């Protein structure tokens, strides 16, 4: 993801890439000082837990928004980030795809319309090397459904598949006795997430402190 964001930022008008760092915790003191002396408008993080905490420290030094695309974060890391949103604008995005954000809206709408008329389940598939299961996107979708319809208990009905070479997909099923509805998303390239990440970065630049999501980004479009 980091490589995709870097590549797209370098070729997208209106963006200037000031620095790209693979591991903040492996920088020398001199390298860290050079990074810390920059003046970015937004810091983006696509590391693994607890990497976002280091990114947060930089964002606070810069006094700029912090976009976190990391998934599978511990509760402790998430709580630290949310607490920091009182000081810096924070955008938590387990999935930065604009289409996934729109899908989330469709799913919550369906959950509200059907209520007790259907059972709801989620199936997600990712490549075998993905570390977290269920995916952050599946958990976010389940949370959105359960907020609308607590009886659905979508969090308890997630199936995760990890397959060699699989492209990421999420399918939400609304099952009734005589019929069913499926809402499906498949990402054919990481560029879908990178494009959404840049759109989110553009959106959050200059925002006041607070905890934001991709739903805020697409709702303002």
N, C-alpha and C. Protein backbone atom coordinates (compact mmCIF):
# COMPACT_ATOMS: atom_id res chain seq x y z
N UNK A 1 0.82 -1.20 0.00
CA UNK A 1 0.00 0.00 0.00
C UNK A 1 0.86 1.25 0.00
N UNK A 2 1.88 1.26 0.84
CA UNK A 2 2.74 2.43 0.89
C UNK A 2 3.34 2.75 -0.47
N UNK A 3 3.82 1.73 -1.16
CA UNK A 3 4.41 1.94 -2.49
C UNK A 3 3.38 2.47 -3.48
N UNK A 4 2.15 1.98 -3.39
CA UNK A 4 1.10 2.44 -4.30
C UNK A 4 0.77 3.89 -4.05
N UNK A 5 0.68 4.29 -2.78
CA UNK A 5 0.39 5.69 -2.44
C UNK A 5 1.52 6.60 -2.91
N UNK A 6 2.75 6.18 -2.67
CA UNK A 6 3.91 6.97 -3.10
C UNK A 6 3.89 7.16 -4.61
N UNK A 7 3.67 6.07 -5.35
CA UNK A 7 3.66 6.13 -6.80
C UNK A 7 2.57 7.07 -7.32
N UNK A 8 1.37 6.95 -6.77
CA UNK A 8 0.25 7.77 -7.24
C UNK A 8 0.44 9.23 -6.85
N UNK A 9 0.95 9.50 -5.65
CA UNK A 9 1.15 10.88 -5.21
C UNK A 9 2.15 11.60 -6.11
N UNK A 10 3.16 10.87 -6.57
CA UNK A 10 4.20 11.48 -7.40
C UNK A 10 3.67 11.88 -8.78
N UNK A 11 2.58 11.26 -9.20
CA UNK A 11 2.07 11.56 -10.54
C UNK A 11 0.72 12.28 -10.51
N UNK A 12 0.25 12.67 -9.31
CA UNK A 12 -1.05 13.32 -9.19
C UNK A 12 -0.88 14.81 -8.95
N UNK A 13 -1.51 15.61 -9.79
CA UNK A 13 -1.42 17.06 -9.67
C UNK A 13 -2.00 17.51 -8.33
N UNK A 14 -1.31 18.45 -7.69
CA UNK A 14 -1.78 18.98 -6.42
C UNK A 14 -1.15 18.32 -5.21
N UNK A 15 -0.33 17.29 -5.45
CA UNK A 15 0.35 16.60 -4.35
C UNK A 15 1.86 16.71 -4.52
N UNK A 16 2.53 16.90 -3.40
CA UNK A 16 3.99 16.87 -3.37
C UNK A 16 4.42 15.91 -2.26
N UNK A 17 5.14 14.88 -2.62
CA UNK A 17 5.62 13.90 -1.65
C UNK A 17 6.89 14.43 -1.00
N UNK A 18 6.83 14.70 0.29
CA UNK A 18 8.00 15.23 1.00
C UNK A 18 8.92 14.13 1.50
N UNK A 19 8.34 12.99 1.89
CA UNK A 19 9.16 11.88 2.39
C UNK A 19 8.35 10.60 2.39
N UNK A 20 9.04 9.50 2.21
CA UNK A 20 8.43 8.17 2.32
C UNK A 20 9.36 7.32 3.18
N UNK A 21 8.83 6.79 4.28
CA UNK A 21 9.65 6.05 5.24
C UNK A 21 9.04 4.67 5.45
N UNK A 22 9.87 3.63 5.35
CA UNK A 22 9.37 2.28 5.54
C UNK A 22 9.22 1.95 7.02
N UNK A 23 10.21 2.29 7.83
CA UNK A 23 10.17 2.00 9.27
C UNK A 23 10.71 3.20 10.05
N UNK A 24 9.82 3.96 10.69
CA UNK A 24 10.27 5.11 11.47
C UNK A 24 11.17 4.69 12.62
N UNK A 25 10.91 3.50 13.18
CA UNK A 25 11.69 3.07 14.35
C UNK A 25 13.09 2.59 13.98
N UNK A 26 13.40 2.56 12.69
CA UNK A 26 14.74 2.15 12.26
C UNK A 26 15.55 3.31 11.69
N UNK A 27 15.03 4.52 11.80
CA UNK A 27 15.78 5.68 11.33
C UNK A 27 16.87 6.04 12.33
N UNK A 28 17.98 6.53 11.82
CA UNK A 28 19.02 7.06 12.71
C UNK A 28 18.53 8.39 13.28
N UNK A 29 19.19 8.89 14.30
CA UNK A 29 18.82 10.17 14.91
C UNK A 29 18.87 11.29 13.88
N UNK A 30 19.88 11.25 13.01
CA UNK A 30 20.02 12.28 11.98
C UNK A 30 18.88 12.21 10.97
N UNK A 31 18.56 10.98 10.54
CA UNK A 31 17.48 10.80 9.57
C UNK A 31 16.13 11.24 10.16
N UNK A 32 15.92 10.89 11.43
CA UNK A 32 14.66 11.27 12.08
C UNK A 32 14.56 12.80 12.18
N UNK A 33 15.67 13.43 12.51
CA UNK A 33 15.68 14.90 12.63
C UNK A 33 15.36 15.55 11.28
N UNK A 34 15.86 14.96 10.19
CA UNK A 34 15.58 15.50 8.86
C UNK A 34 14.10 15.38 8.53
N UNK A 35 13.52 14.22 8.87
CA UNK A 35 12.09 14.01 8.63
C UNK A 35 11.27 14.99 9.48
N UNK A 36 11.64 15.12 10.74
CA UNK A 36 10.89 15.96 11.68
C UNK A 36 10.96 17.44 11.33
N UNK A 37 11.92 17.82 10.49
CA UNK A 37 12.07 19.23 10.12
C UNK A 37 11.17 19.61 8.94
N UNK A 38 10.48 18.65 8.35
CA UNK A 38 9.61 18.91 7.20
C UNK A 38 8.33 19.62 7.65
N UNK A 39 7.58 20.12 6.68
CA UNK A 39 6.32 20.81 6.99
C UNK A 39 5.19 20.26 6.11
N UNK A 40 4.77 19.02 6.34
CA UNK A 40 3.71 18.43 5.51
C UNK A 40 2.32 18.93 5.91
N UNK A 41 1.38 18.77 5.00
CA UNK A 41 -0.02 19.09 5.27
C UNK A 41 -0.75 17.89 5.88
N UNK A 42 -0.29 16.68 5.56
CA UNK A 42 -0.91 15.45 6.06
C UNK A 42 0.16 14.37 6.18
N UNK A 43 0.03 13.53 7.22
CA UNK A 43 0.85 12.33 7.35
C UNK A 43 -0.05 11.12 7.12
N UNK A 44 0.38 10.19 6.26
CA UNK A 44 -0.37 8.97 5.98
C UNK A 44 0.40 7.78 6.52
N UNK A 45 -0.31 6.83 7.10
CA UNK A 45 0.33 5.67 7.71
C UNK A 45 -0.34 4.39 7.21
N UNK A 46 0.46 3.49 6.62
CA UNK A 46 -0.01 2.17 6.20
C UNK A 46 0.95 1.11 6.72
N UNK A 47 1.24 1.17 8.01
CA UNK A 47 2.18 0.23 8.61
C UNK A 47 1.41 -0.92 9.25
N UNK A 48 2.04 -1.61 10.18
CA UNK A 48 1.37 -2.62 11.00
C UNK A 48 1.51 -2.19 12.46
N UNK A 49 0.56 -2.63 13.27
CA UNK A 49 0.55 -2.26 14.68
C UNK A 49 1.87 -2.66 15.36
N UNK A 50 2.49 -1.78 16.17
CA UNK A 50 2.02 -0.47 16.65
C UNK A 50 2.59 0.71 15.86
N UNK A 51 2.90 0.51 14.58
CA UNK A 51 3.50 1.55 13.76
C UNK A 51 2.79 2.90 13.80
N UNK A 52 1.44 2.92 13.81
CA UNK A 52 0.76 4.21 13.80
C UNK A 52 1.09 5.12 14.98
N UNK A 53 1.55 4.56 16.09
CA UNK A 53 1.91 5.40 17.22
C UNK A 53 3.11 6.28 16.87
N UNK A 54 4.08 5.72 16.16
CA UNK A 54 5.23 6.52 15.71
C UNK A 54 4.79 7.58 14.72
N UNK A 55 3.88 7.21 13.81
CA UNK A 55 3.35 8.18 12.85
C UNK A 55 2.61 9.30 13.55
N UNK A 56 1.87 8.95 14.59
CA UNK A 56 1.13 9.95 15.36
C UNK A 56 2.09 10.96 15.99
N UNK A 57 3.20 10.46 16.52
CA UNK A 57 4.18 11.36 17.15
C UNK A 57 4.67 12.40 16.14
N UNK A 58 4.90 11.96 14.90
CA UNK A 58 5.34 12.90 13.87
C UNK A 58 4.23 13.90 13.53
N UNK A 59 3.02 13.39 13.35
CA UNK A 59 1.91 14.28 13.01
C UNK A 59 1.73 15.35 14.08
N UNK A 60 1.92 14.96 15.35
CA UNK A 60 1.80 15.94 16.43
C UNK A 60 2.94 16.95 16.39
N UNK A 61 4.14 16.48 16.03
CA UNK A 61 5.27 17.41 15.87
C UNK A 61 4.96 18.43 14.78
N UNK A 62 4.39 17.92 13.66
CA UNK A 62 4.08 18.77 12.53
C UNK A 62 2.85 19.64 12.78
N UNK A 63 1.97 19.19 13.68
CA UNK A 63 0.71 19.89 13.90
C UNK A 63 -0.22 19.75 12.71
N UNK A 64 -0.19 18.56 12.07
CA UNK A 64 -1.00 18.35 10.87
C UNK A 64 -1.88 17.11 11.03
N UNK A 65 -2.86 16.93 10.15
CA UNK A 65 -3.73 15.75 10.21
C UNK A 65 -2.96 14.45 10.01
N UNK A 66 -3.57 13.37 10.54
CA UNK A 66 -2.96 12.04 10.47
C UNK A 66 -3.99 11.06 9.93
N UNK A 67 -3.68 10.45 8.79
CA UNK A 67 -4.55 9.46 8.17
C UNK A 67 -3.97 8.07 8.42
N UNK A 68 -4.74 7.20 9.05
CA UNK A 68 -4.27 5.85 9.40
C UNK A 68 -5.03 4.82 8.57
N UNK A 69 -4.29 4.14 7.68
CA UNK A 69 -4.89 3.09 6.88
C UNK A 69 -4.53 1.70 7.38
N UNK A 70 -3.91 1.64 8.55
CA UNK A 70 -3.50 0.36 9.14
C UNK A 70 -4.72 -0.40 9.66
N UNK A 71 -4.73 -1.72 9.46
CA UNK A 71 -5.80 -2.55 10.01
C UNK A 71 -5.20 -3.52 11.04
N UNK A 72 -6.07 -4.18 11.77
CA UNK A 72 -5.61 -5.15 12.76
C UNK A 72 -4.93 -4.51 13.95
N UNK A 73 -5.28 -3.26 14.26
CA UNK A 73 -4.65 -2.58 15.39
C UNK A 73 -5.24 -3.08 16.70
N UNK A 74 -4.42 -3.08 17.74
CA UNK A 74 -4.88 -3.46 19.07
C UNK A 74 -5.82 -2.39 19.61
N UNK A 75 -6.58 -2.77 20.60
CA UNK A 75 -7.47 -1.82 21.24
C UNK A 75 -6.67 -0.68 21.87
N UNK A 76 -5.50 -1.03 22.43
CA UNK A 76 -4.65 -0.03 23.07
C UNK A 76 -4.19 1.02 22.06
N UNK A 77 -3.75 0.58 20.89
CA UNK A 77 -3.30 1.51 19.86
C UNK A 77 -4.46 2.38 19.39
N UNK A 78 -5.61 1.76 19.15
CA UNK A 78 -6.77 2.51 18.69
C UNK A 78 -7.18 3.56 19.70
N UNK A 79 -7.18 3.21 20.97
CA UNK A 79 -7.57 4.16 22.01
C UNK A 79 -6.61 5.34 22.07
N UNK A 80 -5.30 5.08 21.91
CA UNK A 80 -4.31 6.16 21.91
C UNK A 80 -4.55 7.11 20.74
N UNK A 81 -4.87 6.54 19.59
CA UNK A 81 -5.12 7.37 18.41
C UNK A 81 -6.37 8.22 18.60
N UNK A 82 -7.44 7.60 19.06
CA UNK A 82 -8.70 8.32 19.25
C UNK A 82 -8.53 9.44 20.28
N UNK A 83 -7.78 9.16 21.34
CA UNK A 83 -7.52 10.19 22.35
C UNK A 83 -6.75 11.36 21.75
N UNK A 84 -5.83 11.04 20.86
CA UNK A 84 -5.02 12.09 20.21
C UNK A 84 -5.84 12.96 19.28
N UNK A 85 -7.02 12.48 18.85
CA UNK A 85 -7.86 13.26 17.94
C UNK A 85 -8.39 14.53 18.61
N UNK A 86 -8.21 14.64 19.91
CA UNK A 86 -8.53 15.90 20.59
C UNK A 86 -7.49 16.98 20.27
N UNK A 87 -6.32 16.52 19.78
CA UNK A 87 -5.22 17.44 19.50
C UNK A 87 -4.94 17.60 18.01
N UNK A 88 -5.13 16.52 17.25
CA UNK A 88 -4.87 16.57 15.80
C UNK A 88 -6.05 15.95 15.05
N UNK A 89 -6.30 16.39 13.82
CA UNK A 89 -7.32 15.75 13.01
C UNK A 89 -6.88 14.32 12.68
N UNK A 90 -7.72 13.34 12.97
CA UNK A 90 -7.39 11.93 12.76
C UNK A 90 -8.43 11.28 11.86
N UNK A 91 -7.95 10.62 10.81
CA UNK A 91 -8.86 9.89 9.93
C UNK A 91 -8.51 8.41 10.01
N UNK A 92 -9.38 7.63 10.66
CA UNK A 92 -9.18 6.18 10.77
C UNK A 92 -9.89 5.50 9.60
N UNK A 93 -9.12 4.83 8.76
CA UNK A 93 -9.66 4.25 7.54
C UNK A 93 -9.13 2.84 7.33
N UNK A 94 -9.82 1.82 7.88
CA UNK A 94 -9.38 0.45 7.63
C UNK A 94 -9.42 0.07 6.15
N UNK A 95 -10.17 0.86 5.37
CA UNK A 95 -10.22 0.66 3.93
C UNK A 95 -10.40 2.03 3.30
N UNK A 96 -9.47 2.46 2.45
CA UNK A 96 -9.53 3.80 1.87
C UNK A 96 -10.20 3.84 0.50
N UNK A 97 -10.73 2.72 0.05
CA UNK A 97 -11.44 2.71 -1.23
C UNK A 97 -12.71 3.56 -1.15
N UNK A 98 -12.89 4.45 -2.12
CA UNK A 98 -14.11 5.27 -2.18
C UNK A 98 -15.32 4.37 -2.42
N UNK A 99 -15.16 3.35 -3.25
CA UNK A 99 -16.28 2.46 -3.54
C UNK A 99 -16.68 1.66 -2.30
N UNK A 100 -15.71 1.25 -1.49
CA UNK A 100 -16.03 0.54 -0.25
C UNK A 100 -16.78 1.47 0.72
N UNK A 101 -16.38 2.73 0.76
CA UNK A 101 -17.08 3.69 1.61
C UNK A 101 -18.53 3.84 1.17
N UNK A 102 -18.74 3.87 -0.13
CA UNK A 102 -20.11 3.92 -0.66
C UNK A 102 -20.86 2.63 -0.35
N UNK A 103 -20.16 1.50 -0.44
CA UNK A 103 -20.78 0.22 -0.13
C UNK A 103 -21.25 0.20 1.32
N UNK A 104 -20.45 0.75 2.21
CA UNK A 104 -20.82 0.81 3.62
C UNK A 104 -22.14 1.56 3.80
N UNK A 105 -22.31 2.63 3.03
CA UNK A 105 -23.56 3.38 3.09
C UNK A 105 -24.73 2.52 2.61
N UNK A 106 -24.52 1.77 1.51
CA UNK A 106 -25.56 0.89 0.99
C UNK A 106 -25.93 -0.20 2.00
N UNK A 107 -24.90 -0.75 2.64
CA UNK A 107 -25.11 -1.84 3.60
C UNK A 107 -25.92 -1.35 4.80
N UNK A 108 -25.58 -0.18 5.32
CA UNK A 108 -26.31 0.34 6.47
C UNK A 108 -27.74 0.70 6.09
N UNK A 109 -27.93 1.17 4.86
CA UNK A 109 -29.28 1.46 4.39
C UNK A 109 -30.11 0.18 4.32
N UNK A 110 -29.50 -0.89 3.79
CA UNK A 110 -30.20 -2.17 3.69
C UNK A 110 -30.51 -2.73 5.08
N UNK A 111 -29.55 -2.59 6.00
CA UNK A 111 -29.76 -3.09 7.36
C UNK A 111 -30.92 -2.37 8.03
N UNK A 112 -31.07 -1.08 7.76
CA UNK A 112 -32.17 -0.31 8.33
C UNK A 112 -33.50 -0.68 7.71
N UNK A 113 -33.50 -0.91 6.39
CA UNK A 113 -34.75 -1.22 5.67
C UNK A 113 -35.28 -2.59 6.05
N UNK A 114 -34.39 -3.59 6.12
CA UNK A 114 -34.84 -4.97 6.33
C UNK A 114 -35.06 -5.33 7.80
N UNK A 115 -34.27 -4.74 8.70
CA UNK A 115 -34.40 -5.00 10.13
C UNK A 115 -34.56 -6.49 10.41
N UNK A 116 -35.69 -6.94 10.94
CA UNK A 116 -35.87 -8.34 11.34
C UNK A 116 -36.27 -9.26 10.19
N UNK A 117 -36.32 -8.74 8.97
CA UNK A 117 -36.78 -9.55 7.84
C UNK A 117 -35.71 -10.48 7.28
N UNK A 118 -34.45 -10.23 7.61
CA UNK A 118 -33.36 -11.02 7.04
C UNK A 118 -32.32 -11.36 8.10
N UNK A 119 -31.53 -12.41 7.82
CA UNK A 119 -30.30 -12.66 8.57
C UNK A 119 -29.16 -12.09 7.75
N UNK A 120 -28.14 -11.59 8.43
CA UNK A 120 -27.06 -10.89 7.73
C UNK A 120 -25.73 -11.57 8.03
N UNK A 121 -24.95 -11.79 6.99
CA UNK A 121 -23.62 -12.38 7.16
C UNK A 121 -22.64 -11.68 6.23
N UNK A 122 -21.36 -11.80 6.57
CA UNK A 122 -20.29 -11.17 5.79
C UNK A 122 -19.24 -12.23 5.48
N UNK A 123 -18.81 -12.26 4.23
CA UNK A 123 -17.69 -13.15 3.85
C UNK A 123 -16.61 -12.30 3.19
N UNK A 124 -15.40 -12.42 3.71
CA UNK A 124 -14.28 -11.65 3.13
C UNK A 124 -13.16 -12.60 2.73
N UNK A 125 -12.50 -12.25 1.62
CA UNK A 125 -11.41 -13.06 1.10
C UNK A 125 -10.20 -12.17 0.82
N UNK A 126 -9.03 -12.60 1.27
CA UNK A 126 -7.79 -11.87 1.03
C UNK A 126 -6.67 -12.86 0.73
N UNK A 127 -5.54 -12.32 0.31
CA UNK A 127 -4.39 -13.17 0.03
C UNK A 127 -3.92 -13.85 1.33
N UNK A 128 -3.23 -14.93 1.18
CA UNK A 128 -2.83 -15.75 2.33
C UNK A 128 -1.86 -15.03 3.27
N UNK A 129 -1.20 -13.98 2.80
CA UNK A 129 -0.22 -13.29 3.63
C UNK A 129 -0.84 -12.20 4.51
N UNK A 130 -2.11 -11.94 4.35
CA UNK A 130 -2.74 -10.90 5.18
C UNK A 130 -2.72 -11.35 6.64
N UNK A 131 -2.27 -10.45 7.52
CA UNK A 131 -2.02 -10.81 8.91
C UNK A 131 -3.29 -10.93 9.75
N UNK A 132 -4.24 -10.01 9.54
CA UNK A 132 -5.42 -9.98 10.42
C UNK A 132 -6.62 -10.68 9.79
N UNK A 133 -7.40 -11.31 10.63
CA UNK A 133 -8.64 -11.96 10.22
C UNK A 133 -9.60 -11.95 11.41
N UNK A 134 -10.83 -11.46 11.24
CA UNK A 134 -11.40 -10.88 10.02
C UNK A 134 -10.68 -9.58 9.63
N UNK A 135 -10.90 -9.17 8.41
CA UNK A 135 -10.29 -7.94 7.93
C UNK A 135 -10.88 -6.75 8.67
N UNK A 136 -10.12 -5.65 8.68
CA UNK A 136 -10.62 -4.42 9.29
C UNK A 136 -11.87 -3.93 8.61
N UNK A 137 -11.96 -4.14 7.29
CA UNK A 137 -13.14 -3.71 6.55
C UNK A 137 -14.37 -4.51 6.97
N UNK A 138 -14.21 -5.83 7.12
CA UNK A 138 -15.33 -6.66 7.55
C UNK A 138 -15.81 -6.27 8.94
N UNK A 139 -14.87 -5.99 9.84
CA UNK A 139 -15.24 -5.59 11.19
C UNK A 139 -15.94 -4.24 11.18
N UNK A 140 -15.48 -3.33 10.33
CA UNK A 140 -16.10 -2.01 10.23
C UNK A 140 -17.52 -2.13 9.67
N UNK A 141 -17.70 -2.97 8.66
CA UNK A 141 -19.03 -3.18 8.09
C UNK A 141 -19.97 -3.80 9.12
N UNK A 142 -19.46 -4.78 9.85
CA UNK A 142 -20.27 -5.43 10.88
C UNK A 142 -20.69 -4.43 11.96
N UNK A 143 -19.76 -3.58 12.36
CA UNK A 143 -20.07 -2.58 13.38
C UNK A 143 -21.13 -1.61 12.89
N UNK A 144 -21.06 -1.23 11.61
CA UNK A 144 -22.06 -0.32 11.04
C UNK A 144 -23.43 -0.98 11.00
N UNK A 145 -23.47 -2.26 10.64
CA UNK A 145 -24.74 -3.00 10.59
C UNK A 145 -25.33 -3.13 11.99
N UNK A 146 -24.50 -3.53 12.94
CA UNK A 146 -24.98 -3.76 14.31
C UNK A 146 -25.41 -2.47 15.00
N UNK A 147 -24.84 -1.34 14.57
CA UNK A 147 -25.27 -0.06 15.13
C UNK A 147 -26.70 0.28 14.69
N UNK A 148 -27.04 -0.15 13.48
CA UNK A 148 -28.38 0.08 12.95
C UNK A 148 -29.36 -0.97 13.46
N UNK A 149 -28.88 -2.22 13.49
CA UNK A 149 -29.73 -3.35 13.87
C UNK A 149 -28.96 -4.29 14.80
N UNK A 150 -28.97 -4.01 16.10
CA UNK A 150 -28.20 -4.82 17.06
C UNK A 150 -28.56 -6.30 17.03
N UNK A 151 -29.79 -6.61 16.66
CA UNK A 151 -30.22 -8.01 16.62
C UNK A 151 -29.51 -8.80 15.52
N UNK A 152 -28.96 -8.11 14.54
CA UNK A 152 -28.30 -8.79 13.43
C UNK A 152 -27.06 -9.54 13.89
N UNK A 153 -26.35 -8.99 14.88
CA UNK A 153 -25.11 -9.60 15.39
C UNK A 153 -24.17 -9.98 14.23
N UNK A 154 -24.02 -9.02 13.31
CA UNK A 154 -23.19 -9.27 12.13
C UNK A 154 -21.75 -9.60 12.51
N UNK A 155 -21.29 -9.06 13.62
CA UNK A 155 -19.93 -9.33 14.08
C UNK A 155 -19.69 -10.82 14.31
N UNK A 156 -20.77 -11.54 14.68
CA UNK A 156 -20.65 -12.98 14.94
C UNK A 156 -20.83 -13.82 13.69
N UNK A 157 -21.09 -13.18 12.56
CA UNK A 157 -21.37 -13.92 11.32
C UNK A 157 -20.44 -13.45 10.20
N UNK A 158 -19.14 -13.46 10.50
CA UNK A 158 -18.12 -13.12 9.51
C UNK A 158 -17.31 -14.37 9.17
N UNK A 159 -17.20 -14.64 7.90
CA UNK A 159 -16.35 -15.75 7.44
C UNK A 159 -15.14 -15.16 6.73
N UNK A 160 -13.95 -15.60 7.14
CA UNK A 160 -12.70 -15.10 6.54
C UNK A 160 -12.01 -16.19 5.75
N UNK A 161 -11.62 -15.86 4.52
CA UNK A 161 -10.86 -16.79 3.67
C UNK A 161 -9.50 -16.17 3.38
N UNK A 162 -8.45 -16.98 3.48
CA UNK A 162 -7.11 -16.54 3.14
C UNK A 162 -6.57 -17.50 2.07
N UNK A 163 -6.46 -17.01 0.84
CA UNK A 163 -6.11 -17.85 -0.30
C UNK A 163 -4.91 -17.28 -1.05
N UNK A 164 -4.06 -18.13 -1.51
CA UNK A 164 -2.89 -17.72 -2.27
C UNK A 164 -3.31 -16.95 -3.52
N UNK A 165 -2.79 -15.73 -3.67
CA UNK A 165 -3.05 -14.95 -4.87
C UNK A 165 -4.42 -14.32 -4.98
N UNK A 166 -5.24 -14.42 -3.93
CA UNK A 166 -6.60 -13.87 -4.00
C UNK A 166 -6.59 -12.35 -3.96
N UNK A 167 -7.50 -11.74 -4.70
CA UNK A 167 -7.66 -10.29 -4.61
C UNK A 167 -8.71 -10.00 -3.53
N UNK A 168 -8.60 -8.88 -2.83
CA UNK A 168 -9.49 -8.60 -1.71
C UNK A 168 -10.95 -8.47 -2.14
N UNK A 169 -11.83 -9.11 -1.41
CA UNK A 169 -13.26 -8.99 -1.70
C UNK A 169 -14.06 -9.08 -0.40
N UNK A 170 -15.22 -8.43 -0.41
CA UNK A 170 -16.15 -8.47 0.71
C UNK A 170 -17.56 -8.63 0.16
N UNK A 171 -18.29 -9.55 0.74
CA UNK A 171 -19.67 -9.79 0.32
C UNK A 171 -20.57 -9.78 1.55
N UNK A 172 -21.61 -8.96 1.52
CA UNK A 172 -22.59 -8.90 2.61
C UNK A 172 -23.87 -9.52 2.09
N UNK A 173 -24.40 -10.48 2.83
CA UNK A 173 -25.59 -11.22 2.39
C UNK A 173 -26.76 -10.93 3.33
N UNK A 174 -27.89 -10.59 2.74
CA UNK A 174 -29.14 -10.41 3.46
C UNK A 174 -30.06 -11.55 3.03
N UNK A 175 -30.26 -12.51 3.91
CA UNK A 175 -30.98 -13.74 3.58
C UNK A 175 -32.40 -13.73 4.16
N UNK A 176 -33.38 -13.88 3.28
CA UNK A 176 -34.77 -14.06 3.67
C UNK A 176 -35.18 -15.47 3.25
N UNK A 177 -36.30 -16.00 3.76
CA UNK A 177 -36.69 -17.38 3.43
C UNK A 177 -36.82 -17.64 1.94
N UNK A 178 -37.37 -16.69 1.18
CA UNK A 178 -37.62 -16.95 -0.25
C UNK A 178 -36.68 -16.22 -1.20
N UNK A 179 -35.80 -15.38 -0.66
CA UNK A 179 -34.93 -14.61 -1.54
C UNK A 179 -33.73 -14.09 -0.76
N UNK A 180 -32.77 -13.55 -1.48
CA UNK A 180 -31.60 -12.97 -0.80
C UNK A 180 -31.03 -11.81 -1.62
N UNK A 181 -30.32 -10.95 -0.94
CA UNK A 181 -29.66 -9.82 -1.55
C UNK A 181 -28.18 -9.89 -1.18
N UNK A 182 -27.30 -9.67 -2.17
CA UNK A 182 -25.87 -9.67 -1.92
C UNK A 182 -25.28 -8.35 -2.39
N UNK A 183 -24.44 -7.77 -1.56
CA UNK A 183 -23.69 -6.57 -1.92
C UNK A 183 -22.22 -6.96 -1.91
N UNK A 184 -21.56 -6.81 -3.06
CA UNK A 184 -20.22 -7.39 -3.25
C UNK A 184 -19.24 -6.34 -3.75
N UNK A 185 -18.04 -6.38 -3.20
CA UNK A 185 -16.96 -5.51 -3.68
C UNK A 185 -15.68 -6.32 -3.86
N UNK A 186 -14.99 -6.05 -4.96
CA UNK A 186 -13.71 -6.70 -5.24
C UNK A 186 -12.72 -5.64 -5.72
N UNK A 187 -11.54 -5.62 -5.13
CA UNK A 187 -10.50 -4.67 -5.53
C UNK A 187 -9.50 -5.38 -6.44
N UNK A 188 -9.36 -4.90 -7.65
CA UNK A 188 -8.46 -5.55 -8.60
C UNK A 188 -7.04 -5.00 -8.53
N UNK A 189 -6.87 -3.89 -7.80
CA UNK A 189 -5.55 -3.28 -7.69
C UNK A 189 -5.48 -2.44 -6.43
N UNK A 190 -4.29 -2.37 -5.82
CA UNK A 190 -4.08 -1.50 -4.67
C UNK A 190 -4.28 -0.03 -5.01
N UNK A 191 -4.26 0.29 -6.30
CA UNK A 191 -4.45 1.68 -6.70
C UNK A 191 -5.84 2.19 -6.32
N UNK A 192 -6.81 1.29 -6.16
CA UNK A 192 -8.14 1.70 -5.70
C UNK A 192 -8.05 2.30 -4.31
N UNK A 193 -7.23 1.69 -3.46
CA UNK A 193 -7.04 2.19 -2.10
C UNK A 193 -6.16 3.44 -2.10
N UNK A 194 -5.13 3.45 -2.94
CA UNK A 194 -4.23 4.60 -3.01
C UNK A 194 -4.98 5.84 -3.48
N UNK A 195 -5.83 5.67 -4.49
CA UNK A 195 -6.60 6.81 -5.01
C UNK A 195 -7.53 7.36 -3.93
N UNK A 196 -8.16 6.45 -3.18
CA UNK A 196 -9.03 6.88 -2.09
C UNK A 196 -8.25 7.55 -0.97
N UNK A 197 -7.04 7.05 -0.71
CA UNK A 197 -6.21 7.63 0.35
C UNK A 197 -5.83 9.07 0.02
N UNK A 198 -5.52 9.33 -1.24
CA UNK A 198 -5.18 10.70 -1.63
C UNK A 198 -6.41 11.61 -1.56
N UNK A 199 -7.56 11.07 -1.94
CA UNK A 199 -8.80 11.85 -1.82
C UNK A 199 -9.07 12.18 -0.36
N UNK A 200 -8.83 11.21 0.52
CA UNK A 200 -9.04 11.43 1.95
C UNK A 200 -8.02 12.42 2.51
N UNK A 201 -6.78 12.33 2.03
CA UNK A 201 -5.73 13.26 2.48
C UNK A 201 -6.08 14.69 2.07
N UNK A 202 -6.57 14.84 0.85
CA UNK A 202 -6.97 16.17 0.37
C UNK A 202 -8.13 16.70 1.23
N UNK A 203 -9.05 15.79 1.58
CA UNK A 203 -10.24 16.20 2.36
C UNK A 203 -9.88 16.64 3.78
N UNK A 204 -8.99 15.90 4.43
CA UNK A 204 -8.72 16.17 5.85
C UNK A 204 -7.73 17.31 6.05
N UNK A 205 -6.98 17.67 5.02
CA UNK A 205 -6.01 18.78 5.15
C UNK A 205 -6.73 20.04 5.58
N UNK A 206 -6.28 20.62 6.67
CA UNK A 206 -6.87 21.86 7.16
C UNK A 206 -8.09 21.69 8.05
N UNK A 207 -8.51 20.44 8.29
CA UNK A 207 -9.67 20.21 9.17
C UNK A 207 -9.28 20.45 10.63
N UNK A 208 -10.25 20.74 11.48
CA UNK A 208 -9.96 20.89 12.90
C UNK A 208 -9.75 19.54 13.56
N UNK A 209 -9.18 19.49 14.76
CA UNK A 209 -9.02 18.21 15.46
C UNK A 209 -10.37 17.48 15.60
N UNK A 210 -10.29 16.17 15.55
CA UNK A 210 -11.49 15.33 15.61
C UNK A 210 -11.18 13.98 15.03
N UNK A 211 -12.08 13.03 15.24
CA UNK A 211 -11.91 11.68 14.72
C UNK A 211 -12.85 11.49 13.53
N UNK A 212 -12.28 11.30 12.35
CA UNK A 212 -13.04 11.22 11.11
C UNK A 212 -12.94 9.82 10.50
N UNK A 213 -13.79 9.57 9.50
CA UNK A 213 -13.80 8.29 8.80
C UNK A 213 -13.99 8.54 7.31
N UNK A 214 -13.88 7.48 6.52
CA UNK A 214 -14.11 7.59 5.08
C UNK A 214 -15.56 7.97 4.79
N UNK A 215 -16.47 7.66 5.71
CA UNK A 215 -17.86 8.07 5.54
C UNK A 215 -17.96 9.59 5.49
N UNK A 216 -17.15 10.28 6.31
CA UNK A 216 -17.12 11.74 6.28
C UNK A 216 -16.61 12.24 4.93
N UNK A 217 -15.61 11.53 4.40
CA UNK A 217 -15.01 11.94 3.13
C UNK A 217 -16.04 11.86 2.00
N UNK A 218 -16.71 10.71 1.87
CA UNK A 218 -17.65 10.54 0.74
C UNK A 218 -18.94 11.33 0.97
N UNK A 219 -19.31 11.56 2.23
CA UNK A 219 -20.54 12.32 2.50
C UNK A 219 -20.38 13.79 2.13
N UNK A 220 -19.12 14.24 2.06
CA UNK A 220 -18.86 15.64 1.72
C UNK A 220 -18.65 15.83 0.23
N UNK A 221 -18.58 14.71 -0.51
CA UNK A 221 -18.29 14.79 -1.95
C UNK A 221 -19.49 15.38 -2.71
